[in-house]
Amino acid sequence: MDRTTIDEVWRRAGGACEYCQLPQRFDSLRLQIEHIIPRKHRGGDDVDNLALACFACNNHKSSNLSGLNDAREIVRLFHPRSDRWDDHFQWQNAVLVGTTDVGRVTVDVLCINLPYRVQLREALIAEGVFPM
């Protein structure tokens, strides 16, 4: 991946995870450029298939494209290039809530509300620096 592509992904994301919105400055691990459609599923390196993700979101998303909703139906994951974040998610204090099947499945598959992740967001909220 060339420097121009890397810089564009970081600029477009505003230096924050495109899934859980955690800014780089509050994460001890470097945010990663992830393939929305993984290479395993023939996703390319073009900028429209790349998103900025924290290690936790990227690690849990892995090569997943979908998950199961409560009715055990297959639902695709949030796509940062074709979906608007606000259409699928909302904050309830430090807990990220999916407001659609896409949002709920994404929160579940990416384990966005694991206790340690919620505790970090609670601390950032107490400091008045999250959500942005």
N, C-alpha and C. Protein backbone atom coordinates (compact mmCIF):
# COMPACT_ATOMS: atom_id res chain seq x y z
N MET A 1 0.85 -1.16 0.00
CA MET A 1 0.00 0.00 0.00
C MET A 1 0.90 1.24 0.00
N ASP A 2 0.61 2.17 -0.89
CA ASP A 2 1.48 3.34 -0.98
C ASP A 2 1.10 4.40 0.06
N ARG A 3 2.00 5.32 0.27
CA ARG A 3 1.84 6.35 1.29
C ARG A 3 0.61 7.22 1.05
N THR A 4 0.33 7.52 -0.22
CA THR A 4 -0.82 8.35 -0.56
C THR A 4 -2.12 7.68 -0.11
N THR A 5 -2.23 6.39 -0.34
CA THR A 5 -3.42 5.63 0.07
C THR A 5 -3.55 5.62 1.58
N ILE A 6 -2.46 5.33 2.25
CA ILE A 6 -2.45 5.31 3.72
C ILE A 6 -2.89 6.66 4.28
N ASP A 7 -2.31 7.74 3.76
CA ASP A 7 -2.65 9.08 4.23
C ASP A 7 -4.12 9.40 3.98
N GLU A 8 -4.66 8.97 2.83
CA GLU A 8 -6.06 9.23 2.51
C GLU A 8 -6.99 8.50 3.49
N VAL A 9 -6.68 7.25 3.82
CA VAL A 9 -7.52 6.49 4.76
C VAL A 9 -7.52 7.18 6.12
N TRP A 10 -6.35 7.59 6.60
CA TRP A 10 -6.27 8.27 7.90
C TRP A 10 -7.01 9.61 7.87
N ARG A 11 -6.84 10.37 6.79
CA ARG A 11 -7.48 11.68 6.68
C ARG A 11 -9.00 11.52 6.68
N ARG A 12 -9.49 10.63 5.85
CA ARG A 12 -10.93 10.42 5.70
C ARG A 12 -11.56 10.01 7.03
N ALA A 13 -10.87 9.18 7.81
CA ALA A 13 -11.40 8.69 9.10
C ALA A 13 -11.19 9.69 10.24
N GLY A 14 -10.46 10.74 9.99
CA GLY A 14 -10.21 11.71 11.05
C GLY A 14 -9.39 11.15 12.19
N GLY A 15 -8.59 10.10 11.89
CA GLY A 15 -7.72 9.52 12.92
C GLY A 15 -8.46 8.73 13.99
N ALA A 16 -9.67 8.23 13.65
CA ALA A 16 -10.46 7.45 14.61
C ALA A 16 -10.96 6.18 13.94
N CYS A 17 -11.19 5.17 14.76
CA CYS A 17 -11.73 3.91 14.26
C CYS A 17 -13.10 4.18 13.61
N GLU A 18 -13.29 3.65 12.43
CA GLU A 18 -14.53 3.89 11.71
C GLU A 18 -15.68 3.01 12.20
N TYR A 19 -15.39 2.11 13.12
CA TYR A 19 -16.42 1.24 13.69
C TYR A 19 -16.82 1.73 15.08
N CYS A 20 -15.88 1.80 16.01
CA CYS A 20 -16.21 2.19 17.40
C CYS A 20 -15.91 3.65 17.71
N GLN A 21 -15.31 4.36 16.75
CA GLN A 21 -15.01 5.79 16.85
C GLN A 21 -13.90 6.15 17.85
N LEU A 22 -13.15 5.18 18.35
CA LEU A 22 -12.07 5.50 19.27
C LEU A 22 -10.95 6.22 18.53
N PRO A 23 -10.60 7.43 18.95
CA PRO A 23 -9.51 8.16 18.30
C PRO A 23 -8.15 7.55 18.64
N GLN A 24 -7.22 7.67 17.72
CA GLN A 24 -5.88 7.14 17.92
C GLN A 24 -5.25 7.66 19.20
N ARG A 25 -5.47 8.91 19.51
CA ARG A 25 -4.78 9.50 20.68
C ARG A 25 -5.17 8.83 22.00
N PHE A 26 -6.27 8.06 22.01
CA PHE A 26 -6.69 7.38 23.23
C PHE A 26 -6.45 5.88 23.19
N ASP A 27 -5.75 5.42 22.19
CA ASP A 27 -5.49 3.98 22.04
C ASP A 27 -3.98 3.77 22.07
N SER A 28 -3.54 2.88 22.93
CA SER A 28 -2.09 2.62 23.04
C SER A 28 -1.56 1.83 21.85
N LEU A 29 -2.45 1.19 21.11
CA LEU A 29 -2.05 0.46 19.91
C LEU A 29 -2.38 1.29 18.68
N ARG A 30 -1.51 1.22 17.71
CA ARG A 30 -1.71 1.98 16.47
C ARG A 30 -2.94 1.48 15.73
N LEU A 31 -3.77 2.41 15.28
CA LEU A 31 -4.91 2.04 14.46
C LEU A 31 -4.39 1.38 13.18
N GLN A 32 -5.22 0.54 12.60
CA GLN A 32 -4.81 -0.25 11.45
C GLN A 32 -5.70 0.05 10.25
N ILE A 33 -5.14 -0.13 9.08
CA ILE A 33 -5.94 -0.03 7.86
C ILE A 33 -6.45 -1.43 7.57
N GLU A 34 -7.77 -1.55 7.52
CA GLU A 34 -8.38 -2.86 7.30
C GLU A 34 -9.14 -2.87 5.98
N HIS A 35 -9.26 -4.07 5.44
CA HIS A 35 -10.01 -4.28 4.21
C HIS A 35 -11.48 -4.54 4.58
N ILE A 36 -12.37 -3.68 4.14
CA ILE A 36 -13.79 -3.84 4.43
C ILE A 36 -14.26 -5.18 3.85
N ILE A 37 -13.99 -5.40 2.60
CA ILE A 37 -14.15 -6.72 1.98
C ILE A 37 -12.75 -7.33 2.01
N PRO A 38 -12.52 -8.31 2.86
CA PRO A 38 -11.16 -8.85 3.01
C PRO A 38 -10.62 -9.44 1.71
N ARG A 39 -9.30 -9.44 1.63
CA ARG A 39 -8.64 -10.04 0.46
C ARG A 39 -9.11 -11.48 0.25
N LYS A 40 -9.34 -12.19 1.34
CA LYS A 40 -9.82 -13.57 1.28
C LYS A 40 -11.10 -13.69 0.45
N HIS A 41 -11.88 -12.61 0.45
CA HIS A 41 -13.13 -12.59 -0.30
C HIS A 41 -13.00 -11.71 -1.55
N ARG A 42 -11.78 -11.59 -2.03
CA ARG A 42 -11.44 -10.86 -3.26
C ARG A 42 -11.56 -9.34 -3.13
N GLY A 43 -11.45 -8.84 -1.92
CA GLY A 43 -11.42 -7.39 -1.73
C GLY A 43 -10.06 -6.85 -2.12
N GLY A 44 -10.05 -5.68 -2.70
CA GLY A 44 -8.80 -5.09 -3.18
C GLY A 44 -8.22 -4.06 -2.24
N ASP A 45 -7.11 -3.49 -2.67
CA ASP A 45 -6.41 -2.47 -1.89
C ASP A 45 -6.83 -1.06 -2.28
N ASP A 46 -7.89 -0.93 -3.07
CA ASP A 46 -8.33 0.41 -3.47
C ASP A 46 -8.88 1.14 -2.26
N VAL A 47 -8.74 2.43 -2.26
CA VAL A 47 -9.07 3.26 -1.10
C VAL A 47 -10.54 3.10 -0.69
N ASP A 48 -11.42 2.78 -1.62
CA ASP A 48 -12.84 2.60 -1.29
C ASP A 48 -13.11 1.30 -0.55
N ASN A 49 -12.13 0.41 -0.47
CA ASN A 49 -12.29 -0.84 0.26
C ASN A 49 -11.48 -0.84 1.56
N LEU A 50 -10.98 0.30 1.93
CA LEU A 50 -10.14 0.40 3.12
C LEU A 50 -10.80 1.27 4.17
N ALA A 51 -10.62 0.88 5.42
CA ALA A 51 -11.14 1.66 6.55
C ALA A 51 -10.10 1.68 7.65
N LEU A 52 -10.16 2.70 8.48
CA LEU A 52 -9.29 2.79 9.64
C LEU A 52 -10.00 2.11 10.80
N ALA A 53 -9.31 1.19 11.47
CA ALA A 53 -9.92 0.43 12.56
C ALA A 53 -8.94 0.28 13.71
N CYS A 54 -9.46 0.33 14.91
CA CYS A 54 -8.63 0.04 16.07
C CYS A 54 -8.28 -1.45 16.04
N PHE A 55 -7.27 -1.82 16.80
CA PHE A 55 -6.85 -3.23 16.82
C PHE A 55 -8.00 -4.14 17.22
N ALA A 56 -8.76 -3.73 18.24
CA ALA A 56 -9.85 -4.60 18.73
C ALA A 56 -10.91 -4.82 17.66
N CYS A 57 -11.37 -3.76 17.01
CA CYS A 57 -12.39 -3.92 15.97
C CYS A 57 -11.84 -4.74 14.80
N ASN A 58 -10.63 -4.43 14.36
CA ASN A 58 -10.05 -5.15 13.23
C ASN A 58 -9.83 -6.62 13.57
N ASN A 59 -9.36 -6.89 14.77
CA ASN A 59 -9.09 -8.27 15.18
C ASN A 59 -10.38 -9.09 15.25
N HIS A 60 -11.43 -8.51 15.81
CA HIS A 60 -12.69 -9.23 15.93
C HIS A 60 -13.41 -9.34 14.58
N LYS A 61 -13.29 -8.32 13.74
CA LYS A 61 -13.93 -8.39 12.42
C LYS A 61 -13.26 -9.45 11.58
N SER A 62 -11.94 -9.50 11.62
CA SER A 62 -11.17 -10.50 10.88
C SER A 62 -11.65 -10.53 9.44
N SER A 63 -11.97 -11.69 8.92
CA SER A 63 -12.44 -11.78 7.53
C SER A 63 -13.96 -11.91 7.46
N ASN A 64 -14.64 -11.56 8.55
CA ASN A 64 -16.10 -11.63 8.56
C ASN A 64 -16.72 -10.56 7.67
N LEU A 65 -17.77 -10.94 6.99
CA LEU A 65 -18.57 -10.01 6.18
C LEU A 65 -19.97 -9.86 6.76
N SER A 66 -20.34 -10.79 7.66
CA SER A 66 -21.70 -10.82 8.19
C SER A 66 -21.72 -11.51 9.55
N GLY A 67 -22.90 -11.54 10.13
CA GLY A 67 -23.14 -12.24 11.38
C GLY A 67 -24.60 -12.62 11.43
N LEU A 68 -25.02 -13.19 12.54
CA LEU A 68 -26.41 -13.60 12.70
C LEU A 68 -27.15 -12.64 13.62
N ASN A 69 -28.36 -12.28 13.22
CA ASN A 69 -29.19 -11.46 14.09
C ASN A 69 -29.92 -12.36 15.10
N ASP A 70 -30.79 -11.77 15.90
CA ASP A 70 -31.50 -12.54 16.93
C ASP A 70 -32.40 -13.62 16.34
N ALA A 71 -32.85 -13.43 15.10
CA ALA A 71 -33.69 -14.42 14.44
C ALA A 71 -32.84 -15.46 13.70
N ARG A 72 -31.53 -15.39 13.91
CA ARG A 72 -30.58 -16.33 13.28
C ARG A 72 -30.54 -16.19 11.76
N GLU A 73 -30.80 -14.96 11.29
CA GLU A 73 -30.69 -14.64 9.87
C GLU A 73 -29.33 -14.01 9.63
N ILE A 74 -28.77 -14.25 8.46
CA ILE A 74 -27.49 -13.66 8.11
C ILE A 74 -27.69 -12.19 7.75
N VAL A 75 -26.89 -11.34 8.41
CA VAL A 75 -26.95 -9.89 8.19
C VAL A 75 -25.53 -9.40 7.94
N ARG A 76 -25.38 -8.58 6.93
CA ARG A 76 -24.05 -8.04 6.61
C ARG A 76 -23.58 -7.09 7.70
N LEU A 77 -22.27 -6.89 7.75
CA LEU A 77 -21.68 -5.95 8.69
C LEU A 77 -21.77 -4.53 8.14
N PHE A 78 -21.63 -3.57 9.02
CA PHE A 78 -21.55 -2.15 8.66
C PHE A 78 -20.42 -1.95 7.65
N HIS A 79 -20.69 -1.19 6.61
CA HIS A 79 -19.70 -0.89 5.56
C HIS A 79 -19.40 0.60 5.62
N PRO A 80 -18.23 0.98 6.11
CA PRO A 80 -17.92 2.40 6.31
C PRO A 80 -17.96 3.27 5.05
N ARG A 81 -17.88 2.69 3.88
CA ARG A 81 -17.92 3.49 2.65
C ARG A 81 -19.34 3.66 2.12
N SER A 82 -20.22 2.72 2.36
CA SER A 82 -21.57 2.83 1.79
C SER A 82 -22.66 3.08 2.84
N ASP A 83 -22.33 2.95 4.11
CA ASP A 83 -23.29 3.19 5.19
C ASP A 83 -22.91 4.45 5.97
N ARG A 84 -23.93 5.13 6.47
CA ARG A 84 -23.68 6.25 7.39
C ARG A 84 -23.71 5.71 8.81
N TRP A 85 -22.68 6.02 9.60
CA TRP A 85 -22.54 5.52 10.97
C TRP A 85 -23.79 5.84 11.79
N ASP A 86 -24.26 7.08 11.70
CA ASP A 86 -25.42 7.52 12.50
C ASP A 86 -26.71 6.80 12.14
N ASP A 87 -26.77 6.19 10.98
CA ASP A 87 -27.96 5.44 10.59
C ASP A 87 -28.04 4.07 11.27
N HIS A 88 -26.92 3.61 11.83
CA HIS A 88 -26.86 2.25 12.36
C HIS A 88 -26.49 2.15 13.84
N PHE A 89 -25.98 3.26 14.40
CA PHE A 89 -25.46 3.20 15.77
C PHE A 89 -25.86 4.45 16.54
N GLN A 90 -25.88 4.29 17.87
CA GLN A 90 -26.00 5.45 18.76
C GLN A 90 -25.33 5.09 20.09
N TRP A 91 -24.85 6.11 20.76
CA TRP A 91 -24.22 5.91 22.06
C TRP A 91 -25.27 5.98 23.15
N GLN A 92 -25.21 5.05 24.07
CA GLN A 92 -25.96 5.13 25.33
C GLN A 92 -24.88 5.12 26.40
N ASN A 93 -24.47 6.32 26.75
CA ASN A 93 -23.29 6.52 27.60
C ASN A 93 -22.10 5.85 26.92
N ALA A 94 -21.45 4.89 27.56
CA ALA A 94 -20.25 4.26 26.99
C ALA A 94 -20.55 3.00 26.19
N VAL A 95 -21.82 2.69 26.06
CA VAL A 95 -22.23 1.48 25.34
C VAL A 95 -22.69 1.87 23.94
N LEU A 96 -22.15 1.19 22.94
CA LEU A 96 -22.58 1.42 21.57
C LEU A 96 -23.76 0.50 21.28
N VAL A 97 -24.86 1.09 20.83
CA VAL A 97 -26.08 0.34 20.56
C VAL A 97 -26.33 0.37 19.06
N GLY A 98 -26.56 -0.80 18.49
CA GLY A 98 -26.97 -0.88 17.10
C GLY A 98 -28.44 -0.55 17.00
N THR A 99 -28.80 0.33 16.09
CA THR A 99 -30.19 0.74 15.92
C THR A 99 -30.85 0.04 14.74
N THR A 100 -30.08 -0.75 14.01
CA THR A 100 -30.57 -1.55 12.89
C THR A 100 -29.97 -2.94 13.03
N ASP A 101 -30.45 -3.88 12.25
CA ASP A 101 -29.84 -5.20 12.26
C ASP A 101 -28.35 -5.11 11.91
N VAL A 102 -28.02 -4.30 10.91
CA VAL A 102 -26.62 -4.13 10.52
C VAL A 102 -25.81 -3.62 11.71
N GLY A 103 -26.31 -2.62 12.41
CA GLY A 103 -25.62 -2.08 13.57
C GLY A 103 -25.49 -3.08 14.70
N ARG A 104 -26.58 -3.76 15.02
CA ARG A 104 -26.55 -4.74 16.12
C ARG A 104 -25.59 -5.89 15.83
N VAL A 105 -25.63 -6.39 14.61
CA VAL A 105 -24.73 -7.50 14.24
C VAL A 105 -23.28 -7.03 14.26
N THR A 106 -23.02 -5.82 13.79
CA THR A 106 -21.66 -5.30 13.79
C THR A 106 -21.14 -5.15 15.21
N VAL A 107 -21.94 -4.58 16.11
CA VAL A 107 -21.54 -4.44 17.52
C VAL A 107 -21.22 -5.81 18.10
N ASP A 108 -22.03 -6.80 17.77
CA ASP A 108 -21.85 -8.15 18.29
C ASP A 108 -20.58 -8.81 17.72
N VAL A 109 -20.44 -8.83 16.42
CA VAL A 109 -19.30 -9.51 15.79
C VAL A 109 -17.98 -8.84 16.17
N LEU A 110 -17.96 -7.51 16.23
CA LEU A 110 -16.73 -6.80 16.55
C LEU A 110 -16.51 -6.67 18.07
N CYS A 111 -17.41 -7.23 18.87
CA CYS A 111 -17.29 -7.23 20.34
C CYS A 111 -17.02 -5.83 20.88
N ILE A 112 -17.75 -4.88 20.36
CA ILE A 112 -17.50 -3.47 20.68
C ILE A 112 -17.81 -3.14 22.14
N ASN A 113 -18.68 -3.91 22.78
CA ASN A 113 -19.05 -3.61 24.16
C ASN A 113 -18.46 -4.58 25.18
N LEU A 114 -17.31 -5.16 24.87
CA LEU A 114 -16.63 -5.96 25.89
C LEU A 114 -16.34 -5.07 27.09
N PRO A 115 -16.35 -5.62 28.30
CA PRO A 115 -16.18 -4.78 29.50
C PRO A 115 -14.97 -3.84 29.47
N TYR A 116 -13.83 -4.31 29.03
CA TYR A 116 -12.65 -3.43 29.04
C TYR A 116 -12.80 -2.28 28.05
N ARG A 117 -13.52 -2.50 26.97
CA ARG A 117 -13.73 -1.44 25.98
C ARG A 117 -14.71 -0.40 26.52
N VAL A 118 -15.76 -0.86 27.19
CA VAL A 118 -16.73 0.05 27.81
C VAL A 118 -16.06 0.85 28.92
N GLN A 119 -15.23 0.20 29.72
CA GLN A 119 -14.53 0.91 30.82
C GLN A 119 -13.63 2.01 30.28
N LEU A 120 -12.93 1.76 29.19
CA LEU A 120 -12.10 2.81 28.59
C LEU A 120 -12.98 3.99 28.15
N ARG A 121 -14.08 3.70 27.49
CA ARG A 121 -14.96 4.78 27.03
C ARG A 121 -15.57 5.52 28.22
N GLU A 122 -15.91 4.81 29.32
CA GLU A 122 -16.42 5.49 30.52
C GLU A 122 -15.39 6.46 31.07
N ALA A 123 -14.14 6.06 31.09
CA ALA A 123 -13.08 6.95 31.58
C ALA A 123 -12.93 8.17 30.67
N LEU A 124 -13.00 7.95 29.37
CA LEU A 124 -12.89 9.07 28.41
C LEU A 124 -14.08 10.00 28.50
N ILE A 125 -15.26 9.45 28.72
CA ILE A 125 -16.46 10.27 28.90
C ILE A 125 -16.33 11.11 30.17
N ALA A 126 -15.82 10.50 31.24
CA ALA A 126 -15.63 11.22 32.51
C ALA A 126 -14.67 12.39 32.33
N GLU A 127 -13.70 12.23 31.45
CA GLU A 127 -12.74 13.31 31.15
C GLU A 127 -13.31 14.31 30.17
N GLY A 128 -14.47 14.02 29.59
CA GLY A 128 -15.10 14.94 28.64
C GLY A 128 -14.50 14.90 27.24
N VAL A 129 -13.85 13.80 26.87
CA VAL A 129 -13.18 13.76 25.57
C VAL A 129 -13.76 12.71 24.62
N PHE A 130 -14.86 12.05 25.02
CA PHE A 130 -15.46 11.04 24.16
C PHE A 130 -16.95 10.96 24.48
N PRO A 131 -17.83 10.69 23.51
CA PRO A 131 -17.52 10.66 22.08
C PRO A 131 -17.24 12.05 21.56
N MET A 132 -16.67 12.07 20.41
CA MET A 132 -16.21 13.34 19.82
C MET A 132 -17.37 14.18 19.41
